[in-house]
Amino acid sequence: METYIELENANCTRCHNRVVAALRARPRVAKVRADFSAGCIVVEHDDDAAELVGVAEAMARAVVVASNGERVMVAVEAHQAHECHFGARVARDAAASGARGPGR
């Protein structure tokens, strides 16, 4: 199964890399593809999708400027999406797009 995880406004590359590493370390995850600039992660797995989104949300962060001018880290929202934009390519959830497998 593929799950698409979108990270809202995540701009911390170190945090993004930690999310990808944590997802790859899960025993029921076969492959993780990520695009930091797109804010999207595609996970091929046999795991609970909600748990994968939870892992991403627990670790993803953004750097923002506080009202006093100081840069601070804040949590970002992660949610399951139906597609990811990787540059000019788009990865889509086959079930959501109505796509059918080969030979159907």
PDB file of N, CA and C in Angstrom:
ATOM      1  N   MET A   1       0.846  -1.164   0.000  1.00  0.00           N
ATOM      2  CA  MET A   1       0.000   0.000   0.000  1.00  0.00           C
ATOM      3  C   MET A   1       0.895   1.233   0.000  1.00  0.00           C
ATOM      4  N   GLU A   2       0.442   2.296  -0.644  1.00  0.00           N
ATOM      5  CA  GLU A   2       1.154   3.563  -0.625  1.00  0.00           C
ATOM      6  C   GLU A   2       0.352   4.581   0.165  1.00  0.00           C
ATOM      7  N   THR A   3       1.047   5.346   0.977  1.00  0.00           N
ATOM      8  CA  THR A   3       0.434   6.442   1.708  1.00  0.00           C
ATOM      9  C   THR A   3       1.206   7.707   1.373  1.00  0.00           C
ATOM     10  N   TYR A   4       0.468   8.763   1.097  1.00  0.00           N
ATOM     11  CA  TYR A   4       1.036  10.065   0.776  1.00  0.00           C
ATOM     12  C   TYR A   4       0.867  10.952   2.003  1.00  0.00           C
ATOM     13  N   ILE A   5       1.974  11.473   2.513  1.00  0.00           N
ATOM     14  CA  ILE A   5       1.938  12.315   3.704  1.00  0.00           C
ATOM     15  C   ILE A   5       2.387  13.716   3.309  1.00  0.00           C
ATOM     16  N   GLU A   6       1.526  14.686   3.543  1.00  0.00           N
ATOM     17  CA  GLU A   6       1.856  16.074   3.247  1.00  0.00           C
ATOM     18  C   GLU A   6       2.182  16.788   4.555  1.00  0.00           C
ATOM     19  N   LEU A   7       3.282  17.526   4.550  1.00  0.00           N
ATOM     20  CA  LEU A   7       3.716  18.289   5.717  1.00  0.00           C
ATOM     21  C   LEU A   7       3.459  19.764   5.441  1.00  0.00           C
ATOM     22  N   GLU A   8       2.540  20.354   6.193  1.00  0.00           N
ATOM     23  CA  GLU A   8       2.149  21.749   5.995  1.00  0.00           C
ATOM     24  C   GLU A   8       3.235  22.701   6.487  1.00  0.00           C
ATOM     25  N   ASN A   9       3.829  23.463   5.584  1.00  0.00           N
ATOM     26  CA  ASN A   9       4.794  24.524   5.907  1.00  0.00           C
ATOM     27  C   ASN A   9       6.062  24.048   6.601  1.00  0.00           C
ATOM     28  N   ALA A  10       6.424  22.797   6.461  1.00  0.00           N
ATOM     29  CA  ALA A  10       7.664  22.296   7.057  1.00  0.00           C
ATOM     30  C   ALA A  10       8.841  22.890   6.291  1.00  0.00           C
ATOM     31  N   ASN A  11       9.743  23.554   7.000  1.00  0.00           N
ATOM     32  CA  ASN A  11      10.887  24.171   6.321  1.00  0.00           C
ATOM     33  C   ASN A  11      12.215  23.848   6.999  1.00  0.00           C
ATOM     34  N   CYS A  12      12.228  22.838   7.844  1.00  0.00           N
ATOM     35  CA  CYS A  12      13.445  22.420   8.534  1.00  0.00           C
ATOM     36  C   CYS A  12      13.965  21.148   7.850  1.00  0.00           C
ATOM     37  N   THR A  13      15.053  21.272   7.096  1.00  0.00           N
ATOM     38  CA  THR A  13      15.564  20.110   6.352  1.00  0.00           C
ATOM     39  C   THR A  13      16.047  19.005   7.287  1.00  0.00           C
ATOM     40  N   ARG A  14      16.681  19.365   8.384  1.00  0.00           N
ATOM     41  CA  ARG A  14      17.142  18.350   9.342  1.00  0.00           C
ATOM     42  C   ARG A  14      15.951  17.565   9.896  1.00  0.00           C
ATOM     43  N   CYS A  15      14.890  18.270  10.235  1.00  0.00           N
ATOM     44  CA  CYS A  15      13.686  17.607  10.754  1.00  0.00           C
ATOM     45  C   CYS A  15      13.077  16.693   9.688  1.00  0.00           C
ATOM     46  N   HIS A  16      13.031  17.180   8.458  1.00  0.00           N
ATOM     47  CA  HIS A  16      12.480  16.398   7.348  1.00  0.00           C
ATOM     48  C   HIS A  16      13.274  15.104   7.176  1.00  0.00           C
ATOM     49  N   ASN A  17      14.601  15.212   7.222  1.00  0.00           N
ATOM     50  CA  ASN A  17      15.440  14.021   7.096  1.00  0.00           C
ATOM     51  C   ASN A  17      15.227  13.055   8.253  1.00  0.00           C
ATOM     52  N   ARG A  18      14.984  13.573   9.453  1.00  0.00           N
ATOM     53  CA  ARG A  18      14.710  12.707  10.611  1.00  0.00           C
ATOM     54  C   ARG A  18      13.371  11.986  10.443  1.00  0.00           C
ATOM     55  N   VAL A  19      12.381  12.672   9.886  1.00  0.00           N
ATOM     56  CA  VAL A  19      11.084  12.032   9.627  1.00  0.00           C
ATOM     57  C   VAL A  19      11.264  10.880   8.649  1.00  0.00           C
ATOM     58  N   VAL A  20      11.983  11.137   7.548  1.00  0.00           N
ATOM     59  CA  VAL A  20      12.218  10.104   6.535  1.00  0.00           C
ATOM     60  C   VAL A  20      12.956   8.919   7.154  1.00  0.00           C
ATOM     61  N   ALA A  21      13.987   9.180   7.947  1.00  0.00           N
ATOM     62  CA  ALA A  21      14.746   8.105   8.597  1.00  0.00           C
ATOM     63  C   ALA A  21      13.879   7.305   9.554  1.00  0.00           C
ATOM     64  N   ALA A  22      13.024   7.980  10.306  1.00  0.00           N
ATOM     65  CA  ALA A  22      12.139   7.286  11.254  1.00  0.00           C
ATOM     66  C   ALA A  22      11.142   6.401  10.514  1.00  0.00           C
ATOM     67  N   LEU A  23      10.617   6.885   9.397  1.00  0.00           N
ATOM     68  CA  LEU A  23       9.682   6.071   8.615  1.00  0.00           C
ATOM     69  C   LEU A  23      10.392   4.871   8.008  1.00  0.00           C
ATOM     70  N   ARG A  24      11.589   5.076   7.476  1.00  0.00           N
ATOM     71  CA  ARG A  24      12.355   3.973   6.884  1.00  0.00           C
ATOM     72  C   ARG A  24      12.717   2.916   7.922  1.00  0.00           C
ATOM     73  N   ALA A  25      12.869   3.308   9.170  1.00  0.00           N
ATOM     74  CA  ALA A  25      13.262   2.377  10.235  1.00  0.00           C
ATOM     75  C   ALA A  25      12.117   1.486  10.692  1.00  0.00           C
ATOM     76  N   ARG A  26      10.896   1.809  10.327  1.00  0.00           N
ATOM     77  CA  ARG A  26       9.755   0.988  10.742  1.00  0.00           C
ATOM     78  C   ARG A  26       9.792  -0.353  10.005  1.00  0.00           C
ATOM     79  N   PRO A  27       9.575  -1.450  10.718  1.00  0.00           N
ATOM     80  CA  PRO A  27       9.727  -2.777  10.105  1.00  0.00           C
ATOM     81  C   PRO A  27       8.750  -3.076   8.965  1.00  0.00           C
ATOM     82  N   ARG A  28       7.598  -2.450   8.947  1.00  0.00           N
ATOM     83  CA  ARG A  28       6.607  -2.753   7.913  1.00  0.00           C
ATOM     84  C   ARG A  28       6.610  -1.734   6.773  1.00  0.00           C
ATOM     85  N   VAL A  29       7.667  -0.918   6.721  1.00  0.00           N
ATOM     86  CA  VAL A  29       7.825   0.061   5.640  1.00  0.00           C
ATOM     87  C   VAL A  29       8.853  -0.473   4.653  1.00  0.00           C
ATOM     88  N   ALA A  30       8.447  -0.559   3.390  1.00  0.00           N
ATOM     89  CA  ALA A  30       9.330  -1.091   2.340  1.00  0.00           C
ATOM     90  C   ALA A  30      10.150   0.004   1.674  1.00  0.00           C
ATOM     91  N   LYS A  31       9.550   1.185   1.449  1.00  0.00           N
ATOM     92  CA  LYS A  31      10.244   2.235   0.708  1.00  0.00           C
ATOM     93  C   LYS A  31       9.667   3.596   1.097  1.00  0.00           C
ATOM     94  N   VAL A  32      10.535   4.594   1.136  1.00  0.00           N
ATOM     95  CA  VAL A  32      10.113   5.966   1.417  1.00  0.00           C
ATOM     96  C   VAL A  32      10.732   6.877   0.367  1.00  0.00           C
ATOM     97  N   ARG A  33       9.892   7.655  -0.308  1.00  0.00           N
ATOM     98  CA  ARG A  33      10.361   8.676  -1.251  1.00  0.00           C
ATOM     99  C   ARG A  33       9.900  10.020  -0.704  1.00  0.00           C
ATOM    100  N   ALA A  34      10.792  10.981  -0.715  1.00  0.00           N
ATOM    101  CA  ALA A  34      10.443  12.281  -0.144  1.00  0.00           C
ATOM    102  C   ALA A  34      10.977  13.408  -1.003  1.00  0.00           C
ATOM    103  N   ASP A  35      10.258  14.496  -0.989  1.00  0.00           N
ATOM    104  CA  ASP A  35      10.691  15.711  -1.664  1.00  0.00           C
ATOM    105  C   ASP A  35      10.479  16.855  -0.685  1.00  0.00           C
ATOM    106  N   PHE A  36      11.591  17.357  -0.142  1.00  0.00           N
ATOM    107  CA  PHE A  36      11.500  18.420   0.846  1.00  0.00           C
ATOM    108  C   PHE A  36      10.794  19.645   0.293  1.00  0.00           C
ATOM    109  N   SER A  37      11.144  20.066  -0.924  1.00  0.00           N
ATOM    110  CA  SER A  37      10.554  21.287  -1.485  1.00  0.00           C
ATOM    111  C   SER A  37       9.057  21.139  -1.724  1.00  0.00           C
ATOM    112  N   ALA A  38       8.604  19.926  -1.990  1.00  0.00           N
ATOM    113  CA  ALA A  38       7.177  19.683  -2.192  1.00  0.00           C
ATOM    114  C   ALA A  38       6.447  19.467  -0.873  1.00  0.00           C
ATOM    115  N   GLY A  39       7.192  19.172   0.189  1.00  0.00           N
ATOM    116  CA  GLY A  39       6.565  18.932   1.489  1.00  0.00           C
ATOM    117  C   GLY A  39       5.755  17.650   1.504  1.00  0.00           C
ATOM    118  N   CYS A  40       6.213  16.663   0.748  1.00  0.00           N
ATOM    119  CA  CYS A  40       5.441  15.441   0.631  1.00  0.00           C
ATOM    120  C   CYS A  40       6.339  14.210   0.728  1.00  0.00           C
ATOM    121  N   ILE A  41       5.790  13.171   1.337  1.00  0.00           N
ATOM    122  CA  ILE A  41       6.494  11.903   1.516  1.00  0.00           C
ATOM    123  C   ILE A  41       5.579  10.784   1.037  1.00  0.00           C
ATOM    124  N   VAL A  42       6.114   9.879   0.219  1.00  0.00           N
ATOM    125  CA  VAL A  42       5.362   8.708  -0.234  1.00  0.00           C
ATOM    126  C   VAL A  42       5.954   7.496   0.469  1.00  0.00           C
ATOM    127  N   VAL A  43       5.105   6.738   1.145  1.00  0.00           N
ATOM    128  CA  VAL A  43       5.558   5.583   1.919  1.00  0.00           C
ATOM    129  C   VAL A  43       4.887   4.327   1.373  1.00  0.00           C
ATOM    130  N   GLU A  44       5.697   3.360   0.935  1.00  0.00           N
ATOM    131  CA  GLU A  44       5.180   2.041   0.549  1.00  0.00           C
ATOM    132  C   GLU A  44       5.299   1.172   1.784  1.00  0.00           C
ATOM    133  N   HIS A  45       4.182   0.586   2.206  1.00  0.00           N
ATOM    134  CA  HIS A  45       4.178  -0.093   3.506  1.00  0.00           C
ATOM    135  C   HIS A  45       3.056  -1.109   3.638  1.00  0.00           C
ATOM    136  N   ASP A  46       3.131  -1.856   4.712  1.00  0.00           N
ATOM    137  CA  ASP A  46       2.070  -2.749   5.167  1.00  0.00           C
ATOM    138  C   ASP A  46       1.846  -2.412   6.644  1.00  0.00           C
ATOM    139  N   ASP A  47       1.562  -1.167   6.908  1.00  0.00           N
ATOM    140  CA  ASP A  47       1.462  -0.630   8.257  1.00  0.00           C
ATOM    141  C   ASP A  47       0.192   0.205   8.354  1.00  0.00           C
ATOM    142  N   ASP A  48      -0.105   0.719   9.517  1.00  0.00           N
ATOM    143  CA  ASP A  48      -1.259   1.581   9.720  1.00  0.00           C
ATOM    144  C   ASP A  48      -0.919   2.990   9.228  1.00  0.00           C
ATOM    145  N   ALA A  49      -1.643   3.475   8.238  1.00  0.00           N
ATOM    146  CA  ALA A  49      -1.355   4.776   7.640  1.00  0.00           C
ATOM    147  C   ALA A  49      -1.447   5.899   8.671  1.00  0.00           C
ATOM    148  N   ALA A  50      -2.411   5.823   9.568  1.00  0.00           N
ATOM    149  CA  ALA A  50      -2.561   6.866  10.584  1.00  0.00           C
ATOM    150  C   ALA A  50      -1.338   6.928  11.496  1.00  0.00           C
ATOM    151  N   GLU A  51      -0.737   5.782  11.794  1.00  0.00           N
ATOM    152  CA  GLU A  51       0.470   5.776  12.611  1.00  0.00           C
ATOM    153  C   GLU A  51       1.634   6.429  11.878  1.00  0.00           C
ATOM    154  N   LEU A  52       1.741   6.189  10.577  1.00  0.00           N
ATOM    155  CA  LEU A  52       2.804   6.799   9.785  1.00  0.00           C
ATOM    156  C   LEU A  52       2.655   8.324   9.759  1.00  0.00           C
ATOM    157  N   VAL A  53       1.434   8.785   9.589  1.00  0.00           N
ATOM    158  CA  VAL A  53       1.176  10.228   9.614  1.00  0.00           C
ATOM    159  C   VAL A  53       1.524  10.781  10.993  1.00  0.00           C
ATOM    160  N   GLY A  54       1.199  10.037  12.037  1.00  0.00           N
ATOM    161  CA  GLY A  54       1.525  10.454  13.399  1.00  0.00           C
ATOM    162  C   GLY A  54       3.015  10.577  13.636  1.00  0.00           C
ATOM    163  N   VAL A  55       3.793   9.650  13.091  1.00  0.00           N
ATOM    164  CA  VAL A  55       5.253   9.723  13.196  1.00  0.00           C
ATOM    165  C   VAL A  55       5.744  11.011  12.537  1.00  0.00           C
ATOM    166  N   ALA A  56       5.240  11.290  11.348  1.00  0.00           N
ATOM    167  CA  ALA A  56       5.656  12.496  10.621  1.00  0.00           C
ATOM    168  C   ALA A  56       5.276  13.757  11.390  1.00  0.00           C
ATOM    169  N   GLU A  57       4.072  13.792  11.898  1.00  0.00           N
ATOM    170  CA  GLU A  57       3.617  14.990  12.612  1.00  0.00           C
ATOM    171  C   GLU A  57       4.380  15.204  13.913  1.00  0.00           C
ATOM    172  N   ALA A  58       4.736  14.120  14.580  1.00  0.00           N
ATOM    173  CA  ALA A  58       5.467  14.237  15.843  1.00  0.00           C
ATOM    174  C   ALA A  58       6.871  14.793  15.647  1.00  0.00           C
ATOM    175  N   MET A  59       7.458  14.595  14.470  1.00  0.00           N
ATOM    176  CA  MET A  59       8.850  14.980  14.254  1.00  0.00           C
ATOM    177  C   MET A  59       9.057  16.198  13.357  1.00  0.00           C
ATOM    178  N   ALA A  60       8.123  16.498  12.490  1.00  0.00           N
ATOM    179  CA  ALA A  60       8.293  17.595  11.532  1.00  0.00           C
ATOM    180  C   ALA A  60       8.184  18.951  12.236  1.00  0.00           C
ATOM    181  N   ARG A  61       9.009  19.881  11.802  1.00  0.00           N
ATOM    182  CA  ARG A  61       9.034  21.210  12.398  1.00  0.00           C
ATOM    183  C   ARG A  61       9.227  22.265  11.315  1.00  0.00           C
ATOM    184  N   ALA A  62       8.949  23.498  11.702  1.00  0.00           N
ATOM    185  CA  ALA A  62       9.207  24.652  10.850  1.00  0.00           C
ATOM    186  C   ALA A  62       9.920  25.705  11.689  1.00  0.00           C
ATOM    187  N   VAL A  63      10.735  26.485  11.031  1.00  0.00           N
ATOM    188  CA  VAL A  63      11.397  27.606  11.686  1.00  0.00           C
ATOM    189  C   VAL A  63      10.600  28.855  11.332  1.00  0.00           C
ATOM    190  N   VAL A  64      10.188  29.599  12.353  1.00  0.00           N
ATOM    191  CA  VAL A  64       9.446  30.845  12.146  1.00  0.00           C
ATOM    192  C   VAL A  64      10.098  31.951  12.970  1.00  0.00           C
ATOM    193  N   VAL A  65       9.785  33.168  12.622  1.00  0.00           N
ATOM    194  CA  VAL A  65      10.286  34.317  13.371  1.00  0.00           C
ATOM    195  C   VAL A  65       9.187  34.749  14.341  1.00  0.00           C
ATOM    196  N   ALA A  66       9.515  34.730  15.623  1.00  0.00           N
ATOM    197  CA  ALA A  66       8.569  35.123  16.663  1.00  0.00           C
ATOM    198  C   ALA A  66       8.381  36.637  16.656  1.00  0.00           C
ATOM    199  N   SER A  67       7.406  37.113  17.402  1.00  0.00           N
ATOM    200  CA  SER A  67       7.115  38.551  17.454  1.00  0.00           C
ATOM    201  C   SER A  67       8.283  39.370  17.995  1.00  0.00           C
ATOM    202  N   ASN A  68       9.158  38.730  18.761  1.00  0.00           N
ATOM    203  CA  ASN A  68      10.327  39.450  19.291  1.00  0.00           C
ATOM    204  C   ASN A  68      11.531  39.380  18.346  1.00  0.00           C
ATOM    205  N   GLY A  69      11.346  38.800  17.158  1.00  0.00           N
ATOM    206  CA  GLY A  69      12.408  38.713  16.171  1.00  0.00           C
ATOM    207  C   GLY A  69      13.265  37.463  16.274  1.00  0.00           C
ATOM    208  N   GLU A  70      13.024  36.673  17.289  1.00  0.00           N
ATOM    209  CA  GLU A  70      13.800  35.447  17.496  1.00  0.00           C
ATOM    210  C   GLU A  70      13.257  34.325  16.608  1.00  0.00           C
ATOM    211  N   ARG A  71      14.162  33.522  16.063  1.00  0.00           N
ATOM    212  CA  ARG A  71      13.744  32.354  15.280  1.00  0.00           C
ATOM    213  C   ARG A  71      13.443  31.205  16.236  1.00  0.00           C
ATOM    214  N   VAL A  72      12.292  30.574  16.031  1.00  0.00           N
ATOM    215  CA  VAL A  72      11.887  29.468  16.900  1.00  0.00           C
ATOM    216  C   VAL A  72      11.375  28.311  16.055  1.00  0.00           C
ATOM    217  N   MET A  73      11.453  27.103  16.618  1.00  0.00           N
ATOM    218  CA  MET A  73      10.925  25.908  15.960  1.00  0.00           C
ATOM    219  C   MET A  73       9.481  25.705  16.425  1.00  0.00           C
ATOM    220  N   VAL A  74       8.606  25.401  15.479  1.00  0.00           N
ATOM    221  CA  VAL A  74       7.212  25.122  15.805  1.00  0.00           C
ATOM    222  C   VAL A  74       6.795  23.816  15.132  1.00  0.00           C
ATOM    223  N   ALA A  75       5.827  23.165  15.715  1.00  0.00           N
ATOM    224  CA  ALA A  75       5.292  21.937  15.130  1.00  0.00           C
ATOM    225  C   ALA A  75       4.521  22.277  13.858  1.00  0.00           C
ATOM    226  N   VAL A  76       4.479  21.327  12.938  1.00  0.00           N
ATOM    227  CA  VAL A  76       3.689  21.501  11.720  1.00  0.00           C
ATOM    228  C   VAL A  76       2.647  20.392  11.641  1.00  0.00           C
ATOM    229  N   GLU A  77       1.650  20.623  10.857  1.00  0.00           N
ATOM    230  CA  GLU A  77       0.590  19.638  10.688  1.00  0.00           C
ATOM    231  C   GLU A  77       0.945  18.691   9.554  1.00  0.00           C
ATOM    232  N   ALA A  78       0.739  17.415   9.789  1.00  0.00           N
ATOM    233  CA  ALA A  78       0.918  16.405   8.744  1.00  0.00           C
ATOM    234  C   ALA A  78      -0.441  15.765   8.504  1.00  0.00           C
ATOM    235  N   HIS A  79      -0.733  15.461   7.271  1.00  0.00           N
ATOM    236  CA  HIS A  79      -1.983  14.755   6.979  1.00  0.00           C
ATOM    237  C   HIS A  79      -1.805  13.867   5.750  1.00  0.00           C
ATOM    238  N   GLN A  80      -2.701  12.906   5.647  1.00  0.00           N
ATOM    239  CA  GLN A  80      -2.672  11.993   4.515  1.00  0.00           C
ATOM    240  C   GLN A  80      -3.254  12.720   3.312  1.00  0.00           C
ATOM    241  N   ALA A  81      -2.551  12.645   2.186  1.00  0.00           N
ATOM    242  CA  ALA A  81      -2.978  13.314   0.961  1.00  0.00           C
ATOM    243  C   ALA A  81      -3.299  12.262  -0.108  1.00  0.00           C
ATOM    244  N   HIS A  82      -3.842  12.715  -1.230  1.00  0.00           N
ATOM    245  CA  HIS A  82      -4.162  11.809  -2.333  1.00  0.00           C
ATOM    246  C   HIS A  82      -3.132  11.859  -3.443  1.00  0.00           C
ATOM    247  N   GLU A  83      -2.200  12.829  -3.343  1.00  0.00           N
ATOM    248  CA  GLU A  83      -1.147  12.923  -4.338  1.00  0.00           C
ATOM    249  C   GLU A  83       0.014  13.732  -3.787  1.00  0.00           C
ATOM    250  N   CYS A  84       1.167  13.572  -4.440  1.00  0.00           N
ATOM    251  CA  CYS A  84       2.366  14.337  -4.117  1.00  0.00           C
ATOM    252  C   CYS A  84       2.911  14.926  -5.403  1.00  0.00           C
ATOM    253  N   HIS A  85       3.408  16.138  -5.345  1.00  0.00           N
ATOM    254  CA  HIS A  85       4.017  16.798  -6.501  1.00  0.00           C
ATOM    255  C   HIS A  85       5.526  16.771  -6.338  1.00  0.00           C
ATOM    256  N   PHE A  86       6.199  15.991  -7.174  1.00  0.00           N
ATOM    257  CA  PHE A  86       7.656  15.900  -7.175  1.00  0.00           C
ATOM    258  C   PHE A  86       8.157  16.599  -8.429  1.00  0.00           C
ATOM    259  N   GLY A  87       8.462  17.871  -8.326  1.00  0.00           N
ATOM    260  CA  GLY A  87       8.879  18.626  -9.500  1.00  0.00           C
ATOM    261  C   GLY A  87       7.748  18.627 -10.516  1.00  0.00           C
ATOM    262  N   ALA A  88       8.014  18.154 -11.718  1.00  0.00           N
ATOM    263  CA  ALA A  88       6.993  18.114 -12.764  1.00  0.00           C
ATOM    264  C   ALA A  88       6.137  16.854 -12.686  1.00  0.00           C
ATOM    265  N   ARG A  89       6.581  15.866 -11.892  1.00  0.00           N
ATOM    266  CA  ARG A  89       5.845  14.604 -11.768  1.00  0.00           C
ATOM    267  C   ARG A  89       4.844  14.676 -10.625  1.00  0.00           C
ATOM    268  N   VAL A  90       3.746  13.973 -10.780  1.00  0.00           N
ATOM    269  CA  VAL A  90       2.747  13.883  -9.731  1.00  0.00           C
ATOM    270  C   VAL A  90       2.526  12.410  -9.416  1.00  0.00           C
ATOM    271  N   ALA A  91       2.654  12.051  -8.143  1.00  0.00           N
ATOM    272  CA  ALA A  91       2.330  10.696  -7.693  1.00  0.00           C
ATOM    273  C   ALA A  91       0.931  10.763  -7.111  1.00  0.00           C
ATOM    274  N   ARG A  92       0.060   9.866  -7.550  1.00  0.00           N
ATOM    275  CA  ARG A  92      -1.335   9.897  -7.110  1.00  0.00           C
ATOM    276  C   ARG A  92      -1.735   8.581  -6.470  1.00  0.00           C
ATOM    277  N   ASP A  93      -2.679   8.681  -5.560  1.00  0.00           N
ATOM    278  CA  ASP A  93      -3.302   7.521  -4.940  1.00  0.00           C
ATOM    279  C   ASP A  93      -4.217   6.907  -5.993  1.00  0.00           C
ATOM    280  N   ALA A  94      -3.918   5.687  -6.424  1.00  0.00           N
ATOM    281  CA  ALA A  94      -4.687   5.032  -7.483  1.00  0.00           C
ATOM    282  C   ALA A  94      -6.157   4.896  -7.120  1.00  0.00           C
ATOM    283  N   ALA A  95      -6.467   4.581  -5.886  1.00  0.00           N
ATOM    284  CA  ALA A  95      -7.853   4.420  -5.470  1.00  0.00           C
ATOM    285  C   ALA A  95      -8.600   5.742  -5.539  1.00  0.00           C
ATOM    286  N   ALA A  96      -7.967   6.823  -5.148  1.00  0.00           N
ATOM    287  CA  ALA A  96      -8.623   8.126  -5.138  1.00  0.00           C
ATOM    288  C   ALA A  96      -8.808   8.680  -6.548  1.00  0.00           C
ATOM    289  N   SER A  97      -7.885   8.356  -7.460  1.00  0.00           N
ATOM    290  CA  SER A  97      -7.968   8.905  -8.810  1.00  0.00           C
ATOM    291  C   SER A  97      -8.796   8.034  -9.750  1.00  0.00           C
ATOM    292  N   GLY A  98      -9.221   6.860  -9.275  1.00  0.00           N
ATOM    293  CA  GLY A  98     -10.011   5.973 -10.120  1.00  0.00           C
ATOM    294  C   GLY A  98      -9.176   5.162 -11.083  1.00  0.00           C
ATOM    295  N   ALA A  99      -7.856   5.217 -10.918  1.00  0.00           N
ATOM    296  CA  ALA A  99      -6.969   4.460 -11.814  1.00  0.00           C
ATOM    297  C   ALA A  99      -7.158   2.968 -11.582  1.00  0.00           C
ATOM    298  N   ARG A 100      -6.920   2.223 -12.620  1.00  0.00           N
ATOM    299  CA  ARG A 100      -7.042   0.782 -12.524  1.00  0.00           C
ATOM    300  C   ARG A 100      -5.701   0.158 -12.851  1.00  0.00           C
ATOM    301  N   GLY A 101      -5.471  -0.970 -12.267  1.00  0.00           N
ATOM    302  CA  GLY A 101      -4.192  -1.670 -12.454  1.00  0.00           C
ATOM    303  C   GLY A 101      -4.065  -2.242 -13.842  1.00  0.00           C
ATOM    304  N   PRO A 102      -2.902  -2.781 -14.177  1.00  0.00           N
ATOM    305  CA  PRO A 102      -2.671  -3.376 -15.493  1.00  0.00           C
ATOM    306  C   PRO A 102      -3.630  -4.535 -15.767  1.00  0.00           C
ATOM    307  N   GLY A 103      -4.087  -4.624 -16.989  1.00  0.00           N
ATOM    308  CA  GLY A 103      -4.935  -5.736 -17.395  1.00  0.00           C
ATOM    309  C   GLY A 103      -6.366  -5.647 -16.927  1.00  0.00           C
ATOM    310  N   ARG A 104      -6.778  -4.498 -16.416  1.00  0.00           N
ATOM    311  CA  ARG A 104      -8.167  -4.375 -15.941  1.00  0.00           C
ATOM    312  C   ARG A 104      -8.971  -3.521 -16.860  1.00  0.00           C
TER     313      ARG A 104
END
